[in-house]
């Protein structure tokens, strides 16, 4: 969760499993979702194809200290930032 930013995720490759406030849904290539600030969210890849997304962050503050972690089992992610 973030207090100062919202996110827009767009799936470029694979299928994303998205959890927002305890509700789960899937996004395929070309689909997207918007996550509002102060909303608990999670992204995972439950498939065998690598997941690639574009993440756009919107807000008055985008610092790393605005990340509220509840559970972090995905530290093995390969995050690429351009």
PDB file of N, CA and C in Angstrom:
ATOM      1  N   UNK A   1       0.856  -1.174   0.000  1.00  0.00           N
ATOM      2  CA  UNK A   1       0.000   0.000   0.000  1.00  0.00           C
ATOM      3  C   UNK A   1       0.897   1.230   0.000  1.00  0.00           C
ATOM      4  N   UNK A   2       0.376   2.299  -0.524  1.00  0.00           N
ATOM      5  CA  UNK A   2       1.087   3.580  -0.550  1.00  0.00           C
ATOM      6  C   UNK A   2       0.104   4.673  -0.128  1.00  0.00           C
ATOM      7  N   UNK A   3       0.573   5.605   0.666  1.00  0.00           N
ATOM      8  CA  UNK A   3      -0.296   6.689   1.120  1.00  0.00           C
ATOM      9  C   UNK A   3      -0.323   7.866   0.142  1.00  0.00           C
ATOM     10  N   UNK A   4       0.741   8.009  -0.640  1.00  0.00           N
ATOM     11  CA  UNK A   4       0.878   9.217  -1.463  1.00  0.00           C
ATOM     12  C   UNK A   4       0.869   8.970  -2.963  1.00  0.00           C
ATOM     13  N   UNK A   5       0.629   7.755  -3.388  1.00  0.00           N
ATOM     14  CA  UNK A   5       0.645   7.490  -4.830  1.00  0.00           C
ATOM     15  C   UNK A   5      -0.384   6.443  -5.223  1.00  0.00           C
ATOM     16  N   UNK A   6      -0.852   6.579  -6.433  1.00  0.00           N
ATOM     17  CA  UNK A   6      -1.697   5.580  -7.082  1.00  0.00           C
ATOM     18  C   UNK A   6      -0.855   4.913  -8.157  1.00  0.00           C
ATOM     19  N   UNK A   7      -1.322   3.786  -8.674  1.00  0.00           N
ATOM     20  CA  UNK A   7      -0.584   3.072  -9.708  1.00  0.00           C
ATOM     21  C   UNK A   7      -1.513   2.659 -10.843  1.00  0.00           C
ATOM     22  N   UNK A   8      -0.939   2.618 -12.038  1.00  0.00           N
ATOM     23  CA  UNK A   8      -1.621   2.060 -13.198  1.00  0.00           C
ATOM     24  C   UNK A   8      -0.717   0.963 -13.730  1.00  0.00           C
ATOM     25  N   UNK A   9      -1.206  -0.283 -13.717  1.00  0.00           N
ATOM     26  CA  UNK A   9      -0.451  -1.420 -14.228  1.00  0.00           C
ATOM     27  C   UNK A   9      -1.002  -1.847 -15.576  1.00  0.00           C
ATOM     28  N   UNK A  10      -0.118  -2.048 -16.557  1.00  0.00           N
ATOM     29  CA  UNK A  10      -0.482  -2.547 -17.880  1.00  0.00           C
ATOM     30  C   UNK A  10       0.326  -3.818 -18.135  1.00  0.00           C
ATOM     31  N   UNK A  11      -0.342  -4.912 -18.480  1.00  0.00           N
ATOM     32  CA  UNK A  11       0.354  -6.173 -18.745  1.00  0.00           C
ATOM     33  C   UNK A  11       0.869  -6.164 -20.179  1.00  0.00           C
ATOM     34  N   UNK A  12       2.182  -6.348 -20.316  1.00  0.00           N
ATOM     35  CA  UNK A  12       2.837  -6.387 -21.619  1.00  0.00           C
ATOM     36  C   UNK A  12       3.003  -7.831 -22.087  1.00  0.00           C
ATOM     37  N   UNK A  13       3.288  -8.739 -21.133  1.00  0.00           N
ATOM     38  CA  UNK A  13       3.506 -10.146 -21.469  1.00  0.00           C
ATOM     39  C   UNK A  13       3.087 -11.000 -20.279  1.00  0.00           C
ATOM     40  N   UNK A  14       2.483 -12.141 -20.555  1.00  0.00           N
ATOM     41  CA  UNK A  14       2.079 -13.061 -19.496  1.00  0.00           C
ATOM     42  C   UNK A  14       0.695 -12.741 -18.948  1.00  0.00           C
ATOM     43  N   UNK A  15       0.428 -13.279 -17.753  1.00  0.00           N
ATOM     44  CA  UNK A  15      -0.852 -13.034 -17.088  1.00  0.00           C
ATOM     45  C   UNK A  15      -0.567 -12.659 -15.636  1.00  0.00           C
ATOM     46  N   UNK A  16      -1.105 -11.539 -15.213  1.00  0.00           N
ATOM     47  CA  UNK A  16      -0.899 -11.044 -13.854  1.00  0.00           C
ATOM     48  C   UNK A  16      -2.047 -11.466 -12.952  1.00  0.00           C
ATOM     49  N   UNK A  17      -1.706 -11.894 -11.764  1.00  0.00           N
ATOM     50  CA  UNK A  17      -2.690 -12.123 -10.717  1.00  0.00           C
ATOM     51  C   UNK A  17      -2.660 -10.874  -9.835  1.00  0.00           C
ATOM     52  N   UNK A  18      -3.773 -10.181  -9.753  1.00  0.00           N
ATOM     53  CA  UNK A  18      -3.860  -8.923  -9.010  1.00  0.00           C
ATOM     54  C   UNK A  18      -4.795  -9.120  -7.829  1.00  0.00           C
ATOM     55  N   UNK A  19      -4.358  -8.692  -6.649  1.00  0.00           N
ATOM     56  CA  UNK A  19      -5.201  -8.699  -5.463  1.00  0.00           C
ATOM     57  C   UNK A  19      -5.364  -7.260  -4.994  1.00  0.00           C
ATOM     58  N   UNK A  20      -6.608  -6.833  -4.847  1.00  0.00           N
ATOM     59  CA  UNK A  20      -6.917  -5.487  -4.380  1.00  0.00           C
ATOM     60  C   UNK A  20      -7.943  -5.611  -3.262  1.00  0.00           C
ATOM     61  N   UNK A  21      -7.568  -5.151  -2.068  1.00  0.00           N
ATOM     62  CA  UNK A  21      -8.436  -5.244  -0.893  1.00  0.00           C
ATOM     63  C   UNK A  21      -9.015  -6.642  -0.704  1.00  0.00           C
ATOM     64  N   UNK A  22      -8.197  -7.674  -0.918  1.00  0.00           N
ATOM     65  CA  UNK A  22      -8.615  -9.056  -0.690  1.00  0.00           C
ATOM     66  C   UNK A  22      -9.354  -9.710  -1.843  1.00  0.00           C
ATOM     67  N   UNK A  23      -9.639  -8.965  -2.905  1.00  0.00           N
ATOM     68  CA  UNK A  23     -10.304  -9.549  -4.080  1.00  0.00           C
ATOM     69  C   UNK A  23      -9.259  -9.817  -5.152  1.00  0.00           C
ATOM     70  N   UNK A  24      -9.345 -10.997  -5.767  1.00  0.00           N
ATOM     71  CA  UNK A  24      -8.354 -11.426  -6.750  1.00  0.00           C
ATOM     72  C   UNK A  24      -8.955 -11.468  -8.154  1.00  0.00           C
ATOM     73  N   UNK A  25      -8.178 -11.008  -9.136  1.00  0.00           N
ATOM     74  CA  UNK A  25      -8.573 -11.120 -10.539  1.00  0.00           C
ATOM     75  C   UNK A  25      -7.317 -11.229 -11.393  1.00  0.00           C
ATOM     76  N   UNK A  26      -7.490 -11.592 -12.656  1.00  0.00           N
ATOM     77  CA  UNK A  26      -6.375 -11.818 -13.560  1.00  0.00           C
ATOM     78  C   UNK A  26      -6.423 -10.823 -14.718  1.00  0.00           C
ATOM     79  N   UNK A  27      -5.247 -10.407 -15.152  1.00  0.00           N
ATOM     80  CA  UNK A  27      -5.108  -9.525 -16.303  1.00  0.00           C
ATOM     81  C   UNK A  27      -4.218 -10.191 -17.334  1.00  0.00           C
ATOM     82  N   UNK A  28      -4.656 -10.165 -18.586  1.00  0.00           N
ATOM     83  CA  UNK A  28      -3.875 -10.730 -19.694  1.00  0.00           C
ATOM     84  C   UNK A  28      -3.158  -9.613 -20.438  1.00  0.00           C
ATOM     85  N   UNK A  29      -2.351 -10.009 -21.402  1.00  0.00           N
ATOM     86  CA  UNK A  29      -1.607  -9.066 -22.228  1.00  0.00           C
ATOM     87  C   UNK A  29      -2.549  -7.990 -22.788  1.00  0.00           C
ATOM     88  N   UNK A  30      -2.175  -6.729 -22.610  1.00  0.00           N
ATOM     89  CA  UNK A  30      -2.959  -5.605 -23.125  1.00  0.00           C
ATOM     90  C   UNK A  30      -3.997  -5.082 -22.143  1.00  0.00           C
ATOM     91  N   UNK A  31      -4.265  -5.813 -21.071  1.00  0.00           N
ATOM     92  CA  UNK A  31      -5.240  -5.355 -20.076  1.00  0.00           C
ATOM     93  C   UNK A  31      -4.532  -4.563 -18.988  1.00  0.00           C
ATOM     94  N   UNK A  32      -5.297  -3.738 -18.271  1.00  0.00           N
ATOM     95  CA  UNK A  32      -4.698  -2.890 -17.249  1.00  0.00           C
ATOM     96  C   UNK A  32      -5.650  -2.690 -16.081  1.00  0.00           C
ATOM     97  N   UNK A  33      -5.092  -2.132 -15.004  1.00  0.00           N
ATOM     98  CA  UNK A  33      -5.892  -1.807 -13.824  1.00  0.00           C
ATOM     99  C   UNK A  33      -5.306  -0.575 -13.156  1.00  0.00           C
ATOM    100  N   UNK A  34      -6.137   0.123 -12.414  1.00  0.00           N
ATOM    101  CA  UNK A  34      -5.714   1.309 -11.672  1.00  0.00           C
ATOM    102  C   UNK A  34      -5.874   1.018 -10.187  1.00  0.00           C
ATOM    103  N   UNK A  35      -4.846   1.296  -9.415  1.00  0.00           N
ATOM    104  CA  UNK A  35      -4.862   1.077  -7.971  1.00  0.00           C
ATOM    105  C   UNK A  35      -4.779   2.441  -7.291  1.00  0.00           C
ATOM    106  N   UNK A  36      -5.779   2.807  -6.527  1.00  0.00           N
ATOM    107  CA  UNK A  36      -5.805   4.096  -5.828  1.00  0.00           C
ATOM    108  C   UNK A  36      -4.870   4.083  -4.626  1.00  0.00           C
ATOM    109  N   UNK A  37      -4.394   5.236  -4.216  1.00  0.00           N
ATOM    110  CA  UNK A  37      -3.597   5.373  -2.998  1.00  0.00           C
ATOM    111  C   UNK A  37      -4.413   4.867  -1.809  1.00  0.00           C
ATOM    112  N   UNK A  38      -3.718   4.379  -0.788  1.00  0.00           N
ATOM    113  CA  UNK A  38      -4.312   3.864   0.449  1.00  0.00           C
ATOM    114  C   UNK A  38      -5.127   2.587   0.258  1.00  0.00           C
ATOM    115  N   UNK A  39      -4.920   1.887  -0.855  1.00  0.00           N
ATOM    116  CA  UNK A  39      -5.610   0.621  -1.100  1.00  0.00           C
ATOM    117  C   UNK A  39      -4.568  -0.500  -1.073  1.00  0.00           C
ATOM    118  N   UNK A  40      -4.809  -1.510  -0.264  1.00  0.00           N
ATOM    119  CA  UNK A  40      -3.899  -2.653  -0.151  1.00  0.00           C
ATOM    120  C   UNK A  40      -3.933  -3.433  -1.470  1.00  0.00           C
ATOM    121  N   UNK A  41      -2.746  -3.698  -2.045  1.00  0.00           N
ATOM    122  CA  UNK A  41      -2.683  -4.374  -3.337  1.00  0.00           C
ATOM    123  C   UNK A  41      -1.473  -5.294  -3.414  1.00  0.00           C
ATOM    124  N   UNK A  42      -1.551  -6.204  -4.375  1.00  0.00           N
ATOM    125  CA  UNK A  42      -0.495  -7.190  -4.565  1.00  0.00           C
ATOM    126  C   UNK A  42      -0.525  -7.676  -6.007  1.00  0.00           C
ATOM    127  N   UNK A  43       0.641  -7.964  -6.554  1.00  0.00           N
ATOM    128  CA  UNK A  43       0.779  -8.437  -7.926  1.00  0.00           C
ATOM    129  C   UNK A  43       1.633  -9.691  -7.911  1.00  0.00           C
ATOM    130  N   UNK A  44       1.210 -10.721  -8.654  1.00  0.00           N
ATOM    131  CA  UNK A  44       2.016 -11.938  -8.753  1.00  0.00           C
ATOM    132  C   UNK A  44       1.847 -12.576 -10.122  1.00  0.00           C
ATOM    133  N   UNK A  45       2.752 -13.500 -10.408  1.00  0.00           N
ATOM    134  CA  UNK A  45       2.704 -14.277 -11.644  1.00  0.00           C
ATOM    135  C   UNK A  45       2.520 -15.734 -11.244  1.00  0.00           C
ATOM    136  N   UNK A  46       1.382 -16.306 -11.553  1.00  0.00           N
ATOM    137  CA  UNK A  46       1.128 -17.701 -11.212  1.00  0.00           C
ATOM    138  C   UNK A  46       1.293 -18.615 -12.421  1.00  0.00           C
ATOM    139  N   UNK A  47       1.714 -18.053 -13.544  1.00  0.00           N
ATOM    140  CA  UNK A  47       1.908 -18.838 -14.759  1.00  0.00           C
ATOM    141  C   UNK A  47       3.360 -19.214 -14.964  1.00  0.00           C
ATOM    142  N   UNK A  48       3.613 -19.893 -16.064  1.00  0.00           N
ATOM    143  CA  UNK A  48       4.970 -20.308 -16.389  1.00  0.00           C
ATOM    144  C   UNK A  48       5.659 -19.320 -17.314  1.00  0.00           C
ATOM    145  N   UNK A  49       4.887 -18.470 -17.982  1.00  0.00           N
ATOM    146  CA  UNK A  49       5.445 -17.437 -18.856  1.00  0.00           C
ATOM    147  C   UNK A  49       5.837 -16.253 -17.983  1.00  0.00           C
ATOM    148  N   UNK A  50       6.979 -15.663 -18.271  1.00  0.00           N
ATOM    149  CA  UNK A  50       7.410 -14.500 -17.512  1.00  0.00           C
ATOM    150  C   UNK A  50       6.389 -13.363 -17.608  1.00  0.00           C
ATOM    151  N   UNK A  51       6.195 -12.659 -16.524  1.00  0.00           N
ATOM    152  CA  UNK A  51       5.261 -11.537 -16.478  1.00  0.00           C
ATOM    153  C   UNK A  51       6.017 -10.240 -16.675  1.00  0.00           C
ATOM    154  N   UNK A  52       5.571  -9.442 -17.636  1.00  0.00           N
ATOM    155  CA  UNK A  52       6.141  -8.113 -17.855  1.00  0.00           C
ATOM    156  C   UNK A  52       5.009  -7.108 -17.779  1.00  0.00           C
ATOM    157  N   UNK A  53       5.210  -6.065 -16.976  1.00  0.00           N
ATOM    158  CA  UNK A  53       4.206  -5.016 -16.851  1.00  0.00           C
ATOM    159  C   UNK A  53       4.861  -3.654 -17.003  1.00  0.00           C
ATOM    160  N   UNK A  54       4.040  -2.676 -17.295  1.00  0.00           N
ATOM    161  CA  UNK A  54       4.435  -1.278 -17.208  1.00  0.00           C
ATOM    162  C   UNK A  54       3.691  -0.717 -16.019  1.00  0.00           C
ATOM    163  N   UNK A  55       4.424  -0.050 -15.124  1.00  0.00           N
ATOM    164  CA  UNK A  55       3.806   0.559 -13.945  1.00  0.00           C
ATOM    165  C   UNK A  55       3.992   2.064 -14.017  1.00  0.00           C
ATOM    166  N   UNK A  56       2.891   2.778 -13.965  1.00  0.00           N
ATOM    167  CA  UNK A  56       2.924   4.239 -13.910  1.00  0.00           C
ATOM    168  C   UNK A  56       2.495   4.645 -12.512  1.00  0.00           C
ATOM    169  N   UNK A  57       3.348   5.404 -11.825  1.00  0.00           N
ATOM    170  CA  UNK A  57       3.042   5.863 -10.476  1.00  0.00           C
ATOM    171  C   UNK A  57       2.629   7.328 -10.536  1.00  0.00           C
ATOM    172  N   UNK A  58       1.525   7.651  -9.849  1.00  0.00           N
ATOM    173  CA  UNK A  58       0.983   9.004  -9.861  1.00  0.00           C
ATOM    174  C   UNK A  58       0.789   9.484  -8.429  1.00  0.00           C
ATOM    175  N   UNK A  59       1.289  10.654  -8.123  1.00  0.00           N
ATOM    176  CA  UNK A  59       1.084  11.186  -6.785  1.00  0.00           C
ATOM    177  C   UNK A  59       2.044  12.303  -6.468  1.00  0.00           C
ATOM    178  N   UNK A  60       1.814  12.950  -5.337  1.00  0.00           N
ATOM    179  CA  UNK A  60       2.654  14.082  -4.964  1.00  0.00           C
ATOM    180  C   UNK A  60       4.001  13.656  -4.397  1.00  0.00           C
ATOM    181  N   UNK A  61       4.124  12.372  -3.998  1.00  0.00           N
ATOM    182  CA  UNK A  61       5.379  11.880  -3.440  1.00  0.00           C
ATOM    183  C   UNK A  61       5.556  10.422  -3.849  1.00  0.00           C
ATOM    184  N   UNK A  62       6.727  10.086  -4.423  1.00  0.00           N
ATOM    185  CA  UNK A  62       6.975   8.739  -4.938  1.00  0.00           C
ATOM    186  C   UNK A  62       8.163   8.055  -4.258  1.00  0.00           C
ATOM    187  N   UNK A  63       8.570   8.545  -3.090  1.00  0.00           N
ATOM    188  CA  UNK A  63       9.728   7.992  -2.390  1.00  0.00           C
ATOM    189  C   UNK A  63       9.508   6.563  -1.923  1.00  0.00           C
ATOM    190  N   UNK A  64      10.628   5.834  -1.772  1.00  0.00           N
ATOM    191  CA  UNK A  64      10.574   4.437  -1.345  1.00  0.00           C
ATOM    192  C   UNK A  64      10.004   4.283   0.065  1.00  0.00           C
ATOM    193  N   UNK A  65      10.070   5.315   0.879  1.00  0.00           N
ATOM    194  CA  UNK A  65       9.538   5.213   2.240  1.00  0.00           C
ATOM    195  C   UNK A  65       8.013   5.335   2.282  1.00  0.00           C
ATOM    196  N   UNK A  66       7.382   5.426   1.116  1.00  0.00           N
ATOM    197  CA  UNK A  66       5.917   5.434   1.031  1.00  0.00           C
ATOM    198  C   UNK A  66       5.378   4.028   0.736  1.00  0.00           C
ATOM    199  N   UNK A  67       6.215   3.015   0.906  1.00  0.00           N
ATOM    200  CA  UNK A  67       5.790   1.634   0.684  1.00  0.00           C
ATOM    201  C   UNK A  67       5.447   1.008   2.032  1.00  0.00           C
ATOM    202  N   UNK A  68       4.196   0.551   2.182  1.00  0.00           N
ATOM    203  CA  UNK A  68       3.760  -0.156   3.382  1.00  0.00           C
ATOM    204  C   UNK A  68       3.665  -1.624   3.016  1.00  0.00           C
ATOM    205  N   UNK A  69       4.533  -2.456   3.598  1.00  0.00           N
ATOM    206  CA  UNK A  69       4.554  -3.890   3.281  1.00  0.00           C
ATOM    207  C   UNK A  69       3.814  -4.670   4.359  1.00  0.00           C
ATOM    208  N   UNK A  70       2.900  -5.526   3.911  1.00  0.00           N
ATOM    209  CA  UNK A  70       2.166  -6.395   4.819  1.00  0.00           C
ATOM    210  C   UNK A  70       2.749  -7.804   4.785  1.00  0.00           C
ATOM    211  N   UNK A  71       3.203  -8.237   3.608  1.00  0.00           N
ATOM    212  CA  UNK A  71       3.768  -9.550   3.389  1.00  0.00           C
ATOM    213  C   UNK A  71       4.619  -9.440   2.139  1.00  0.00           C
ATOM    214  N   UNK A  72       5.850  -9.928   2.176  1.00  0.00           N
ATOM    215  CA  UNK A  72       6.741  -9.776   1.025  1.00  0.00           C
ATOM    216  C   UNK A  72       7.427 -11.095   0.723  1.00  0.00           C
ATOM    217  N   UNK A  73       6.758 -11.923  -0.068  1.00  0.00           N
ATOM    218  CA  UNK A  73       7.362 -13.192  -0.465  1.00  0.00           C
ATOM    219  C   UNK A  73       7.915 -13.123  -1.882  1.00  0.00           C
ATOM    220  N   UNK A  74       7.965 -11.932  -2.463  1.00  0.00           N
ATOM    221  CA  UNK A  74       8.372 -11.787  -3.858  1.00  0.00           C
ATOM    222  C   UNK A  74       9.703 -11.088  -4.017  1.00  0.00           C
ATOM    223  N   UNK A  75      10.575 -11.124  -3.060  1.00  0.00           N
ATOM    224  CA  UNK A  75      11.874 -10.452  -3.155  1.00  0.00           C
ATOM    225  C   UNK A  75      12.706 -10.998  -4.306  1.00  0.00           C
ATOM    226  N   UNK A  76      12.350 -12.157  -4.827  1.00  0.00           N
ATOM    227  CA  UNK A  76      13.116 -12.752  -5.919  1.00  0.00           C
ATOM    228  C   UNK A  76      12.772 -12.138  -7.278  1.00  0.00           C
ATOM    229  N   UNK A  77      11.834 -11.193  -7.306  1.00  0.00           N
ATOM    230  CA  UNK A  77      11.449 -10.569  -8.581  1.00  0.00           C
ATOM    231  C   UNK A  77      12.647  -9.930  -9.240  1.00  0.00           C
ATOM    232  N   UNK A  78      12.627  -9.954 -10.558  1.00  0.00           N
ATOM    233  CA  UNK A  78      13.614  -9.219 -11.340  1.00  0.00           C
ATOM    234  C   UNK A  78      12.936  -7.936 -11.804  1.00  0.00           C
ATOM    235  N   UNK A  79      13.151  -6.854 -11.092  1.00  0.00           N
ATOM    236  CA  UNK A  79      12.501  -5.580 -11.400  1.00  0.00           C
ATOM    237  C   UNK A  79      13.409  -4.784 -12.313  1.00  0.00           C
ATOM    238  N   UNK A  80      12.892  -4.383 -13.455  1.00  0.00           N
ATOM    239  CA  UNK A  80      13.666  -3.581 -14.400  1.00  0.00           C
ATOM    240  C   UNK A  80      13.021  -2.210 -14.471  1.00  0.00           C
ATOM    241  N   UNK A  81      13.819  -1.196 -14.254  1.00  0.00           N
ATOM    242  CA  UNK A  81      13.341   0.179 -14.275  1.00  0.00           C
ATOM    243  C   UNK A  81      14.036   0.916 -15.416  1.00  0.00           C
ATOM    244  N   UNK A  82      13.265   1.549 -16.274  1.00  0.00           N
ATOM    245  CA  UNK A  82      13.875   2.317 -17.377  1.00  0.00           C
ATOM    246  C   UNK A  82      13.603   3.777 -17.210  1.00  0.00           C
TER     247      UNK A  82
END
